[in-house]
Amino acid sequence: MTNGKIWLVVKPTVGIPLFLSAAVIASVVVHAAVLTTTTWLPAYYQGSAAVAAE
């Protein structure tokens, strides 16, 4: 294990939940940003499709 010495500084019972919590928070922030900054994603979630002009 290349980075095995990190567990000499941080206990696994603290480090692993902290890492997983950070991953969950980052994922929620990214999804919220995409949901609030795009116009097509909320429409996609509602099931409406864009109609092409002919």
C-alpha atoms as a PDB file:
ATOM      1  CA  MET A   1       0.000   0.000   0.000  1.00  0.00           C
ATOM      2  CA  THR A   2       1.631   3.219  -1.153  1.00  0.00           C
ATOM      3  CA  ASN A   3      -0.213   5.618   1.160  1.00  0.00           C
ATOM      4  CA  GLY A   4      -0.493   3.262   4.102  1.00  0.00           C
ATOM      5  CA  LYS A   5       1.385   5.596   6.440  1.00  0.00           C
ATOM      6  CA  ILE A   6      -1.539   8.045   6.502  1.00  0.00           C
ATOM      7  CA  TRP A   7      -3.257   5.708   8.978  1.00  0.00           C
ATOM      8  CA  LEU A   8      -0.394   6.318  11.410  1.00  0.00           C
ATOM      9  CA  VAL A   9      -1.545   9.965  11.596  1.00  0.00           C
ATOM     10  CA  VAL A  10      -5.317   9.610  11.118  1.00  0.00           C
ATOM     11  CA  LYS A  11      -7.267   6.729  12.624  1.00  0.00           C
ATOM     12  CA  PRO A  12      -9.302   4.740  10.076  1.00  0.00           C
ATOM     13  CA  THR A  13     -12.402   5.137  12.249  1.00  0.00           C
ATOM     14  CA  VAL A  14     -12.118   8.897  11.668  1.00  0.00           C
ATOM     15  CA  GLY A  15     -10.547   9.072   8.204  1.00  0.00           C
ATOM     16  CA  ILE A  16     -12.848   6.729   6.304  1.00  0.00           C
ATOM     17  CA  PRO A  17     -16.148   8.332   7.399  1.00  0.00           C
ATOM     18  CA  LEU A  18     -14.610  11.771   6.830  1.00  0.00           C
ATOM     19  CA  PHE A  19     -13.593  10.818   3.290  1.00  0.00           C
ATOM     20  CA  LEU A  20     -16.984   9.309   2.497  1.00  0.00           C
ATOM     21  CA  SER A  21     -18.771  12.349   3.922  1.00  0.00           C
ATOM     22  CA  ALA A  22     -16.650  14.659   1.766  1.00  0.00           C
ATOM     23  CA  ALA A  23     -17.474  12.591  -1.328  1.00  0.00           C
ATOM     24  CA  VAL A  24     -21.216  12.761  -0.586  1.00  0.00           C
ATOM     25  CA  ILE A  25     -21.114  16.511   0.039  1.00  0.00           C
ATOM     26  CA  ALA A  26     -19.151  17.135  -3.165  1.00  0.00           C
ATOM     27  CA  SER A  27     -21.601  15.031  -5.155  1.00  0.00           C
ATOM     28  CA  VAL A  28     -24.627  16.878  -3.763  1.00  0.00           C
ATOM     29  CA  VAL A  29     -23.021  20.263  -4.465  1.00  0.00           C
ATOM     30  CA  VAL A  30     -22.221  19.315  -8.066  1.00  0.00           C
ATOM     31  CA  HIS A  31     -25.711  17.962  -8.692  1.00  0.00           C
ATOM     32  CA  ALA A  32     -27.315  21.045  -7.152  1.00  0.00           C
ATOM     33  CA  ALA A  33     -25.135  23.316  -9.287  1.00  0.00           C
ATOM     34  CA  VAL A  34     -26.051  21.461 -12.470  1.00  0.00           C
ATOM     35  CA  LEU A  35     -29.727  21.480 -11.527  1.00  0.00           C
ATOM     36  CA  THR A  36     -29.811  25.215 -10.823  1.00  0.00           C
ATOM     37  CA  THR A  37     -27.648  26.405 -13.729  1.00  0.00           C
ATOM     38  CA  THR A  38     -29.114  24.420 -16.611  1.00  0.00           C
ATOM     39  CA  THR A  39     -32.540  24.738 -18.182  1.00  0.00           C
ATOM     40  CA  TRP A  40     -32.761  21.284 -19.707  1.00  0.00           C
ATOM     41  CA  LEU A  41     -32.222  19.161 -16.588  1.00  0.00           C
ATOM     42  CA  PRO A  42     -35.363  20.245 -14.685  1.00  0.00           C
ATOM     43  CA  ALA A  43     -37.373  19.729 -17.881  1.00  0.00           C
ATOM     44  CA  TYR A  44     -35.811  16.290 -18.268  1.00  0.00           C
ATOM     45  CA  TYR A  45     -36.792  15.369 -14.710  1.00  0.00           C
ATOM     46  CA  GLN A  46     -40.355  16.538 -15.372  1.00  0.00           C
ATOM     47  CA  GLY A  47     -40.524  14.354 -18.505  1.00  0.00           C
ATOM     48  CA  SER A  48     -41.107  17.166 -20.994  1.00  0.00           C
ATOM     49  CA  ALA A  49     -39.286  17.034 -24.271  1.00  0.00           C
ATOM     50  CA  ALA A  50     -38.259  20.050 -26.305  1.00  0.00           C
ATOM     51  CA  VAL A  51     -40.168  20.412 -29.567  1.00  0.00           C
ATOM     52  CA  ALA A  52     -38.012  21.259 -32.576  1.00  0.00           C
ATOM     53  CA  ALA A  53     -39.216  24.125 -34.755  1.00  0.00           C
ATOM     54  CA  GLU A  54     -40.018  23.015 -38.286  1.00  0.00           C
END
